[in-house]
């Protein structure tokens, strides 16, 4: 017992044990209490699958989930002022930075994921809102409507 205690003490002094301890990441903002933007989700079939778009009260599209059925992939896109390596997606059960790309011609930052990614299950069960935004900027907080889940279901069948 004394040997193991001495070994652990030695590890702690060397910094090895501290380097392996996970560091919790605190969100910069608590989206769980954020008020979703007013607006409306719409669902539409597309030639390659389906799409759900969230638009503000001026009918300006702010967030889109698009299913490409042939590849079983879903993209999450939203307008952005510039490039960011990640798109942050927050739900009441998960927060994740997803690799993203920026298209300057369209002004959209897009993340592309397999339809069976657990993030879409987390979106489906989120409590009333989701937040999506470039990792280097603020996020859009949108209400959660069935249209988003319908796009996921379209890509999974």
Protein backbone atom coordinates (compact mmCIF):
# COMPACT_ATOMS: atom_id res chain seq x y z
CA UNK A 1 0.00 0.00 0.00
CA UNK A 2 2.81 2.39 0.85
CA UNK A 3 4.46 1.59 -2.49
CA UNK A 4 1.31 2.43 -4.48
CA UNK A 5 0.80 5.66 -2.52
CA UNK A 6 4.40 6.66 -3.19
CA UNK A 7 3.97 5.79 -6.89
CA UNK A 8 0.79 7.92 -7.17
CA UNK A 9 2.48 10.78 -5.36
CA UNK A 10 5.38 10.55 -7.78
CA UNK A 11 2.98 10.63 -10.74
CA UNK A 12 1.22 13.68 -9.37
CA UNK A 13 4.52 15.48 -8.87
CA UNK A 14 5.67 14.62 -12.37
CA UNK A 15 2.47 16.03 -13.87
CA UNK A 16 1.52 12.81 -15.68
CA UNK A 17 -1.67 12.23 -13.71
CA UNK A 18 -2.75 15.85 -14.12
CA UNK A 19 -2.17 15.79 -17.86
CA UNK A 20 -4.52 12.81 -18.28
CA UNK A 21 -7.39 14.25 -16.25
CA UNK A 22 -10.23 15.47 -18.50
CA UNK A 23 -10.89 19.18 -18.42
CA UNK A 24 -14.59 20.07 -18.55
CA UNK A 25 -15.52 22.58 -21.23
CA UNK A 26 -17.93 25.25 -20.08
CA UNK A 27 -20.19 26.82 -22.70
CA UNK A 28 -19.77 30.55 -23.11
CA UNK A 29 -23.55 30.97 -22.98
CA UNK A 30 -26.35 28.90 -21.46
CA UNK A 31 -28.59 28.18 -24.45
CA UNK A 32 -30.94 26.23 -22.16
CA UNK A 33 -32.43 29.52 -20.97
CA UNK A 34 -32.19 31.39 -24.28
CA UNK A 35 -35.39 32.50 -25.96
CA UNK A 36 -35.67 31.05 -29.47
CA UNK A 37 -35.99 33.53 -32.30
CA UNK A 38 -39.48 34.07 -33.66
CA UNK A 39 -39.90 32.43 -37.00
CA UNK A 40 -41.20 29.42 -38.85
CA UNK A 41 -39.89 26.05 -39.99
CA UNK A 42 -40.93 24.75 -43.41
CA UNK A 43 -40.43 21.29 -44.87
CA UNK A 44 -40.14 20.45 -48.56
CA UNK A 45 -39.19 17.38 -50.57
CA UNK A 46 -36.25 17.95 -52.92
CA UNK A 47 -34.98 16.08 -55.97
CA UNK A 48 -32.34 14.38 -53.83
CA UNK A 49 -34.22 14.03 -50.53
CA UNK A 50 -35.78 16.74 -48.37
CA UNK A 51 -35.05 19.97 -46.52
CA UNK A 52 -36.30 21.86 -43.49
CA UNK A 53 -35.61 25.59 -43.27
CA UNK A 54 -36.06 28.00 -40.41
CA UNK A 55 -36.85 31.56 -41.49
CA UNK A 56 -37.30 34.66 -39.36
CA UNK A 57 -40.46 36.78 -39.41
CA UNK A 58 -39.15 38.52 -42.56
CA UNK A 59 -38.98 35.11 -44.32
CA UNK A 60 -35.17 35.27 -44.41
CA UNK A 61 -33.74 31.70 -44.16
CA UNK A 62 -31.47 31.36 -41.12
CA UNK A 63 -30.97 27.61 -40.71
CA UNK A 64 -31.43 24.65 -43.06
CA UNK A 65 -31.18 20.88 -42.64
CA UNK A 66 -30.92 19.05 -45.96
CA UNK A 67 -31.06 15.30 -46.56
CA UNK A 68 -29.31 13.71 -49.53
CA UNK A 69 -30.96 10.30 -49.57
CA UNK A 70 -28.50 8.64 -52.00
CA UNK A 71 -25.57 9.22 -49.62
CA UNK A 72 -27.60 9.12 -46.39
CA UNK A 73 -26.06 12.40 -45.27
CA UNK A 74 -27.60 15.50 -43.71
CA UNK A 75 -26.11 18.96 -43.97
CA UNK A 76 -26.71 21.73 -41.47
CA UNK A 77 -26.25 25.18 -43.01
CA UNK A 78 -26.66 28.75 -41.87
CA UNK A 79 -25.56 32.18 -43.05
CA UNK A 80 -22.20 33.36 -41.70
CA UNK A 81 -20.04 36.44 -42.11
CA UNK A 82 -16.91 34.40 -42.74
CA UNK A 83 -15.14 31.09 -42.48
CA UNK A 84 -14.95 29.00 -39.33
CA UNK A 85 -13.44 25.54 -38.96
CA UNK A 86 -16.43 24.31 -36.95
CA UNK A 87 -20.16 24.72 -36.65
CA UNK A 88 -21.27 24.55 -33.03
CA UNK A 89 -24.53 22.65 -32.53
CA UNK A 90 -26.19 22.81 -29.11
CA UNK A 91 -29.12 20.73 -27.91
CA UNK A 92 -30.38 20.26 -24.37
CA UNK A 93 -28.48 16.96 -24.26
CA UNK A 94 -25.33 17.63 -26.27
CA UNK A 95 -23.01 20.35 -27.48
CA UNK A 96 -20.64 19.59 -30.33
CA UNK A 97 -18.31 21.41 -32.69
CA UNK A 98 -18.74 19.77 -36.09
CA UNK A 99 -16.18 20.30 -38.89
CA UNK A 100 -17.60 22.81 -41.34
CA UNK A 101 -16.85 24.57 -44.59
CA UNK A 102 -17.70 28.08 -45.73
CA UNK A 103 -18.86 28.97 -49.23
CA UNK A 104 -18.19 32.69 -49.87
CA UNK A 105 -20.44 32.65 -52.96
CA UNK A 106 -23.52 31.67 -50.92
CA UNK A 107 -22.41 33.06 -47.55
CA UNK A 108 -23.25 29.74 -45.88
CA UNK A 109 -21.28 27.72 -43.37
CA UNK A 110 -22.17 24.03 -43.69
CA UNK A 111 -21.53 20.87 -41.69
CA UNK A 112 -22.20 17.51 -43.31
CA UNK A 113 -22.89 14.41 -41.18
CA UNK A 114 -24.09 10.83 -41.65
CA UNK A 115 -27.85 10.54 -41.12
CA UNK A 116 -27.32 8.09 -38.25
CA UNK A 117 -25.07 10.45 -36.29
CA UNK A 118 -26.29 10.62 -32.70
CA UNK A 119 -26.36 14.42 -32.94
CA UNK A 120 -29.62 14.15 -34.89
CA UNK A 121 -31.14 12.02 -32.11
CA UNK A 122 -30.06 14.70 -29.68
CA UNK A 123 -31.74 17.34 -31.86
CA UNK A 124 -34.95 15.28 -31.97
CA UNK A 125 -35.09 15.05 -28.17
CA UNK A 126 -33.89 18.56 -27.38
CA UNK A 127 -36.15 20.51 -25.07
CA UNK A 128 -37.79 23.13 -27.26
CA UNK A 129 -34.73 24.72 -28.86
CA UNK A 130 -31.48 24.16 -30.67
CA UNK A 131 -28.58 26.56 -31.18
CA UNK A 132 -26.34 26.54 -34.23
CA UNK A 133 -23.52 28.88 -35.13
CA UNK A 134 -19.93 29.19 -36.28
CA UNK A 135 -17.57 28.26 -33.47
CA UNK A 136 -16.01 31.74 -33.61
CA UNK A 137 -19.29 33.70 -33.43
CA UNK A 138 -22.68 33.76 -31.72
CA UNK A 139 -25.26 31.07 -32.33
CA UNK A 140 -28.78 31.23 -33.69
CA UNK A 141 -31.31 29.83 -31.21
CA UNK A 142 -34.25 28.31 -33.08
CA UNK A 143 -37.37 26.61 -31.78
CA UNK A 144 -37.56 22.89 -32.42
CA UNK A 145 -40.40 21.82 -34.69
CA UNK A 146 -41.19 18.40 -36.25
CA UNK A 147 -39.88 19.47 -39.67
CA UNK A 148 -36.28 18.90 -38.55
CA UNK A 149 -37.02 15.37 -37.38
CA UNK A 150 -38.86 14.61 -40.62
CA UNK A 151 -35.70 15.39 -42.63
CA UNK A 152 -33.69 13.02 -40.42
CA UNK A 153 -36.31 10.29 -40.83
CA UNK A 154 -36.29 10.78 -44.62
CA UNK A 155 -32.55 10.14 -44.70
CA UNK A 156 -32.68 7.10 -42.44
CA UNK A 157 -35.29 5.07 -44.37
